[in-house]
């Protein structure tokens, strides 16, 4: 008996022990032992074991999981949607690149305002680009018309450029009127007001408008310094009045800890810089005293009494 098991062990260590890898090794080994020394009853038991093992292997192979047709159909639909979304995004980016190019031209023209040149001459070239921007935003709206209710899915592709556009439009509007460009006026200049009236899912986002106004306020301290250098000593007073009202209006908003809140915090430092310039001009007597009339009346009244 020991000799038989020893022979079976050395047979197991060889490569040719089990030519069929799907069958378990132990029943095959027992079969080799039973053929030599096992009694007939044990031999019948061992002979039945590989058959049951092979049947179990066959059953496990027959129940192997196959790919479900509904699952494949679902992912085929996903593939089509992603391809269509990629094509649509490329069309949007092509328009956004043209918007960015137009804003660079506008910004290059507005830089001349810091050289104390006349405002109508400076604003002539940037204002000519407003019609180009309006056409580009109309093209963008037509592209988004093909995917209704998907505005905020692709909104990030032109969000930064829109904020820059709003800042440039607001700066030009302030140079012309001295007032803030309203949200509806910005929409009208970009042509998106018509889509908002017609209940189409396209327009100027309020947060983009507010961030653009914050960008515009960062240009005012530099403008004030250059105007004072050119001899316009009344400019700090006008800018300070405008920025104080704008800062008070932003105080009404319940801002979170996001990008808009960071830009609003920067507005406070812009206001402080304008206040410093106004203080320097005021302390040196380079601007007219608003209370000069009241001071003269107060000084003349004691002389009359005397």
Protein backbone atom coordinates (compact mmCIF):
# COMPACT_ATOMS: atom_id res chain seq x y z
CA UNK A 1 0.00 0.00 0.00
CA UNK A 2 2.80 2.43 0.89
CA UNK A 3 4.65 1.52 -2.26
CA UNK A 4 1.56 2.31 -4.33
CA UNK A 5 1.13 5.75 -2.74
CA UNK A 6 4.82 6.46 -3.23
CA UNK A 7 4.53 5.62 -6.91
CA UNK A 8 1.47 7.82 -7.18
CA UNK A 9 3.33 10.73 -5.51
CA UNK A 10 6.20 10.58 -7.98
CA UNK A 11 3.71 10.33 -10.78
CA UNK A 12 2.04 13.52 -9.45
CA UNK A 13 5.34 15.42 -9.49
CA UNK A 14 5.85 14.66 -13.16
CA UNK A 15 4.38 16.83 -15.93
CA UNK A 16 2.45 13.97 -17.51
CA UNK A 17 0.34 13.19 -14.43
CA UNK A 18 -2.88 14.82 -15.54
CA UNK A 19 -3.12 15.37 -19.27
CA UNK A 20 -6.55 16.99 -18.88
CA UNK A 21 -6.20 20.25 -16.89
CA UNK A 22 -9.99 20.59 -16.50
CA UNK A 23 -10.14 17.50 -14.25
CA UNK A 24 -9.07 17.68 -10.57
CA UNK A 25 -5.79 16.03 -9.66
CA UNK A 26 -6.87 14.17 -6.53
CA UNK A 27 -9.48 11.91 -8.20
CA UNK A 28 -6.95 11.17 -10.92
CA UNK A 29 -4.41 10.20 -8.28
CA UNK A 30 -6.89 8.02 -6.43
CA UNK A 31 -7.74 6.29 -9.65
CA UNK A 32 -4.09 5.39 -10.13
CA UNK A 33 -3.95 3.99 -6.60
CA UNK A 34 -7.21 2.10 -6.84
CA UNK A 35 -6.17 0.37 -10.02
CA UNK A 36 -3.28 -1.27 -8.20
CA UNK A 37 -4.26 -2.05 -4.61
CA UNK A 38 -7.79 -0.88 -3.81
CA UNK A 39 -10.60 -3.36 -3.28
CA UNK A 40 -13.45 -3.53 -5.82
CA UNK A 41 -15.87 -1.41 -3.71
CA UNK A 42 -13.36 1.41 -3.28
CA UNK A 43 -12.41 1.12 -6.91
CA UNK A 44 -16.03 1.70 -7.99
CA UNK A 45 -16.26 4.79 -5.72
CA UNK A 46 -13.09 6.27 -7.16
CA UNK A 47 -14.24 5.58 -10.70
CA UNK A 48 -17.43 7.59 -10.12
CA UNK A 49 -15.66 10.64 -8.67
CA UNK A 50 -14.03 12.03 -11.86
CA UNK A 51 -17.33 11.73 -13.69
CA UNK A 52 -19.09 13.88 -11.10
CA UNK A 53 -16.20 16.35 -11.13
CA UNK A 54 -16.30 16.63 -14.91
CA UNK A 55 -20.05 17.13 -14.76
CA UNK A 56 -19.55 19.96 -12.24
CA UNK A 57 -17.01 21.58 -14.53
CA UNK A 58 -19.39 21.33 -17.44
CA UNK A 59 -22.23 22.84 -15.46
CA UNK A 60 -20.04 25.76 -14.30
CA UNK A 61 -19.00 26.43 -17.89
CA UNK A 62 -22.60 26.31 -19.06
CA UNK A 63 -23.62 28.89 -16.43
CA UNK A 64 -20.78 31.33 -17.25
CA UNK A 65 -22.07 34.97 -17.40
CA UNK A 66 -22.53 36.30 -20.89
CA UNK A 67 -22.79 39.96 -21.91
CA UNK A 68 -26.39 41.09 -21.76
CA UNK A 69 -27.83 42.56 -24.98
CA UNK A 70 -29.57 45.46 -23.12
CA UNK A 71 -26.26 46.36 -21.50
CA UNK A 72 -24.47 46.50 -24.85
CA UNK A 73 -27.31 48.53 -26.32
CA UNK A 74 -27.10 51.02 -23.46
CA UNK A 75 -23.38 51.62 -23.90
CA UNK A 76 -23.79 51.89 -27.65
CA UNK A 77 -26.22 54.73 -26.93
CA UNK A 78 -23.68 56.32 -24.59
CA UNK A 79 -21.06 56.13 -27.31
CA UNK A 80 -23.33 57.96 -29.75
CA UNK A 81 -24.17 60.64 -27.18
CA UNK A 82 -20.52 61.26 -26.34
CA UNK A 83 -19.60 61.56 -30.00
CA UNK A 84 -22.40 64.05 -30.62
CA UNK A 85 -21.41 66.01 -27.51
CA UNK A 86 -17.79 66.15 -28.67
CA UNK A 87 -18.77 67.47 -32.09
CA UNK A 88 -21.04 70.08 -30.51
CA UNK A 89 -18.34 71.16 -28.07
CA UNK A 90 -15.86 71.63 -30.92
CA UNK A 91 -18.34 73.92 -32.69
CA UNK A 92 -18.80 75.92 -29.50
CA UNK A 93 -15.06 76.26 -28.98
CA UNK A 94 -14.59 77.53 -32.52
CA UNK A 95 -17.01 80.40 -31.80
CA UNK A 96 -15.43 81.03 -28.39
CA UNK A 97 -12.02 81.43 -30.00
CA UNK A 98 -13.45 84.16 -32.23
CA UNK A 99 -14.96 85.86 -29.18
CA UNK A 100 -11.60 85.76 -27.44
CA UNK A 101 -9.90 87.28 -30.48
CA UNK A 102 -12.46 90.09 -30.57
CA UNK A 103 -12.04 90.87 -26.89
CA UNK A 104 -8.27 91.15 -27.36
CA UNK A 105 -8.83 93.82 -29.99
CA UNK A 106 -11.22 95.67 -27.71
CA UNK A 107 -8.84 95.52 -24.77
CA UNK A 108 -5.93 96.74 -26.89
CA UNK A 109 -8.00 99.75 -27.94
CA UNK A 110 -9.11 100.55 -24.40
CA UNK A 111 -5.53 100.59 -23.13
CA UNK A 112 -5.10 103.93 -24.86
CA UNK A 113 -7.49 105.52 -22.37
CA UNK A 114 -4.68 105.42 -19.82
CA UNK A 115 -2.61 107.73 -22.02
CA UNK A 116 -4.96 110.69 -21.46
CA UNK A 117 -6.27 110.70 -25.03
CA UNK A 118 -9.81 111.95 -25.73
CA UNK A 119 -12.43 109.37 -24.81
CA UNK A 120 -14.43 109.50 -28.11
CA UNK A 121 -11.26 108.78 -30.05
CA UNK A 122 -10.30 105.92 -27.77
CA UNK A 123 -13.76 104.34 -27.70
CA UNK A 124 -14.32 104.48 -31.44
CA UNK A 125 -12.34 101.34 -32.24
CA UNK A 126 -13.59 99.14 -29.35
CA UNK A 127 -17.21 100.12 -29.97
CA UNK A 128 -16.89 98.89 -33.53
CA UNK A 129 -16.35 95.37 -32.17
CA UNK A 130 -19.65 95.26 -30.27
CA UNK A 131 -21.52 94.32 -33.43
CA UNK A 132 -19.05 91.48 -34.02
CA UNK A 133 -19.62 90.19 -30.49
CA UNK A 134 -23.37 90.33 -30.96
CA UNK A 135 -23.13 88.22 -34.10
CA UNK A 136 -20.86 85.68 -32.40
CA UNK A 137 -23.20 85.28 -29.44
CA UNK A 138 -26.11 84.80 -31.83
CA UNK A 139 -24.16 81.99 -33.49
CA UNK A 140 -23.51 80.50 -30.09
CA UNK A 141 -27.20 80.62 -29.27
CA UNK A 142 -28.08 78.89 -32.53
CA UNK A 143 -25.69 76.05 -31.72
CA UNK A 144 -27.22 75.60 -28.27
CA UNK A 145 -30.67 75.56 -29.80
CA UNK A 146 -29.84 72.06 -31.07
CA UNK A 147 -29.47 70.77 -27.49
CA UNK A 148 -32.31 72.22 -25.40
CA UNK A 149 -31.98 72.24 -21.61
CA UNK A 150 -28.20 71.77 -21.93
CA UNK A 151 -27.11 75.40 -21.36
CA UNK A 152 -25.19 74.83 -18.13
CA UNK A 153 -23.60 71.66 -19.45
CA UNK A 154 -21.58 73.69 -21.99
CA UNK A 155 -21.64 77.01 -20.14
CA UNK A 156 -18.08 76.61 -18.89
CA UNK A 157 -16.73 76.68 -22.45
CA UNK A 158 -17.46 80.41 -22.86
CA UNK A 159 -17.86 81.58 -19.26
CA UNK A 160 -14.44 83.20 -18.83
CA UNK A 161 -14.66 84.99 -22.18
CA UNK A 162 -18.13 86.32 -21.31
CA UNK A 163 -16.87 87.76 -18.03
CA UNK A 164 -14.12 89.58 -19.92
CA UNK A 165 -16.63 90.90 -22.44
CA UNK A 166 -18.86 92.25 -19.67
CA UNK A 167 -15.92 94.01 -18.03
CA UNK A 168 -14.96 95.73 -21.29
CA UNK A 169 -18.52 96.76 -22.07
CA UNK A 170 -19.02 98.10 -18.54
CA UNK A 171 -15.78 100.08 -18.68
CA UNK A 172 -16.71 101.68 -22.00
CA UNK A 173 -20.19 102.46 -20.70
CA UNK A 174 -18.73 104.13 -17.63
CA UNK A 175 -16.34 106.21 -19.69
CA UNK A 176 -19.26 107.48 -21.76
CA UNK A 177 -21.91 107.97 -19.08
CA UNK A 178 -20.25 107.68 -15.68
CA UNK A 179 -22.87 105.10 -14.66
CA UNK A 180 -22.92 101.32 -14.26
CA UNK A 181 -23.89 99.09 -17.16
CA UNK A 182 -27.03 97.26 -16.10
CA UNK A 183 -27.58 93.54 -16.63
CA UNK A 184 -30.36 94.08 -19.17
CA UNK A 185 -28.22 96.58 -21.08
CA UNK A 186 -25.36 94.10 -21.26
CA UNK A 187 -27.73 91.42 -22.54
CA UNK A 188 -29.04 93.80 -25.18
CA UNK A 189 -25.54 94.64 -26.39
CA UNK A 190 -24.74 90.94 -26.72
CA UNK A 191 -28.05 90.11 -28.39
CA UNK A 192 -28.97 87.54 -25.75
CA UNK A 193 -31.92 89.58 -24.45
CA UNK A 194 -34.07 88.42 -27.38
CA UNK A 195 -33.48 84.79 -26.46
CA UNK A 196 -34.39 85.47 -22.84
CA UNK A 197 -37.67 87.12 -23.90
CA UNK A 198 -38.52 84.18 -26.17
CA UNK A 199 -37.98 81.75 -23.25
CA UNK A 200 -34.99 80.15 -24.94
CA UNK A 201 -32.36 78.58 -22.73
CA UNK A 202 -29.64 81.13 -23.47
CA UNK A 203 -28.68 84.40 -21.87
CA UNK A 204 -26.17 86.29 -19.77
CA UNK A 205 -25.68 84.52 -16.47
CA UNK A 206 -26.03 86.81 -13.44
CA UNK A 207 -22.84 85.52 -11.84
CA UNK A 208 -20.88 86.14 -15.04
CA UNK A 209 -22.24 89.68 -15.12
CA UNK A 210 -21.20 90.34 -11.50
CA UNK A 211 -17.71 88.93 -12.00
CA UNK A 212 -17.33 91.07 -15.11
CA UNK A 213 -18.26 94.17 -13.08
CA UNK A 214 -15.60 93.24 -10.52
CA UNK A 215 -13.05 92.96 -13.35
CA UNK A 216 -14.07 96.41 -14.53
CA UNK A 217 -13.57 97.95 -11.08
CA UNK A 218 -9.96 96.77 -11.04
CA UNK A 219 -9.22 99.08 -14.01
CA UNK A 220 -10.45 102.21 -12.24
CA UNK A 221 -7.52 102.76 -9.81
CA UNK A 222 -5.07 102.74 -12.71
CA UNK A 223 -7.32 105.08 -14.66
CA UNK A 224 -7.48 107.50 -11.73
CA UNK A 225 -3.71 107.61 -11.28
CA UNK A 226 -3.11 108.28 -14.98
CA UNK A 227 -5.79 110.98 -15.12
CA UNK A 228 -4.35 112.78 -12.12
CA UNK A 229 -0.92 112.59 -13.73
CA UNK A 230 -2.40 114.17 -16.87
CA UNK A 231 -3.90 117.01 -14.81
CA UNK A 232 -7.50 115.87 -14.29
CA UNK A 233 -7.72 116.38 -10.52
CA UNK A 234 -11.50 115.96 -10.39
CA UNK A 235 -11.38 112.38 -11.67
CA UNK A 236 -10.65 110.80 -8.24
CA UNK A 237 -13.78 112.35 -6.77
CA UNK A 238 -16.00 110.98 -9.56
CA UNK A 239 -14.47 107.52 -9.45
CA UNK A 240 -14.64 107.39 -5.66
CA UNK A 241 -18.33 108.26 -5.70
CA UNK A 242 -19.05 105.57 -8.30
CA UNK A 243 -17.03 102.84 -6.58
CA UNK A 244 -18.53 103.63 -3.17
CA UNK A 245 -22.04 103.17 -4.55
CA UNK A 246 -20.99 100.01 -6.38
CA UNK A 247 -19.37 98.56 -3.28
CA UNK A 248 -22.49 99.33 -1.22
CA UNK A 249 -24.64 97.57 -3.84
CA UNK A 250 -22.47 94.45 -3.71
CA UNK A 251 -22.85 94.47 0.06
CA UNK A 252 -26.52 93.59 -0.43
CA UNK A 253 -25.57 90.20 -1.91
CA UNK A 254 -25.20 87.10 0.22
CA UNK A 255 -21.96 85.87 -1.33
CA UNK A 256 -20.48 82.44 -0.64
CA UNK A 257 -16.84 81.45 -0.46
CA UNK A 258 -16.44 81.15 -4.20
CA UNK A 259 -14.75 83.01 -7.04
CA UNK A 260 -17.27 85.85 -6.97
CA UNK A 261 -16.60 86.45 -3.29
CA UNK A 262 -12.86 86.61 -3.95
CA UNK A 263 -13.34 89.17 -6.70
CA UNK A 264 -15.59 91.23 -4.43
CA UNK A 265 -12.86 91.20 -1.77
CA UNK A 266 -10.52 92.59 -4.41
CA UNK A 267 -12.97 95.43 -5.04
CA UNK A 268 -12.44 96.63 -1.48
CA UNK A 269 -8.73 97.08 -2.14
CA UNK A 270 -9.50 98.91 -5.40
CA UNK A 271 -11.74 101.28 -3.49
CA UNK A 272 -9.01 101.89 -0.93
CA UNK A 273 -6.50 102.78 -3.65
CA UNK A 274 -8.90 105.33 -5.12
CA UNK A 275 -9.48 106.79 -1.66
CA UNK A 276 -5.74 107.23 -1.20
CA UNK A 277 -5.41 109.05 -4.51
CA UNK A 278 -8.35 111.29 -3.68
CA UNK A 279 -6.87 112.03 -0.26
CA UNK A 280 -3.51 112.99 -1.77
CA UNK A 281 -5.17 115.31 -4.27
CA UNK A 282 -7.41 116.81 -1.60
CA UNK A 283 -4.67 117.38 0.96
CA UNK A 284 -2.54 119.20 -1.60
CA UNK A 285 -5.37 121.53 -2.55
CA UNK A 286 -5.42 120.40 -6.18
CA UNK A 287 -9.21 119.96 -6.26
CA UNK A 288 -12.01 122.38 -5.52
CA UNK A 289 -13.36 122.30 -1.97
CA UNK A 290 -17.00 121.23 -1.94
CA UNK A 291 -17.59 123.04 1.35
CA UNK A 292 -15.99 126.31 0.26
CA UNK A 293 -19.32 128.11 -0.01
CA UNK A 294 -20.31 127.11 3.48
CA UNK A 295 -16.95 128.13 4.86
CA UNK A 296 -17.14 131.64 3.37
CA UNK A 297 -20.60 132.26 4.77
CA UNK A 298 -19.48 131.17 8.20
CA UNK A 299 -16.51 133.50 8.00
CA UNK A 300 -18.47 136.49 6.74
CA UNK A 301 -21.20 136.24 9.37
CA UNK A 302 -18.95 137.31 12.35
CA UNK A 303 -17.66 140.24 10.29
CA UNK A 304 -21.20 141.52 9.76
CA UNK A 305 -21.93 141.25 13.45
CA UNK A 306 -18.82 143.21 14.33
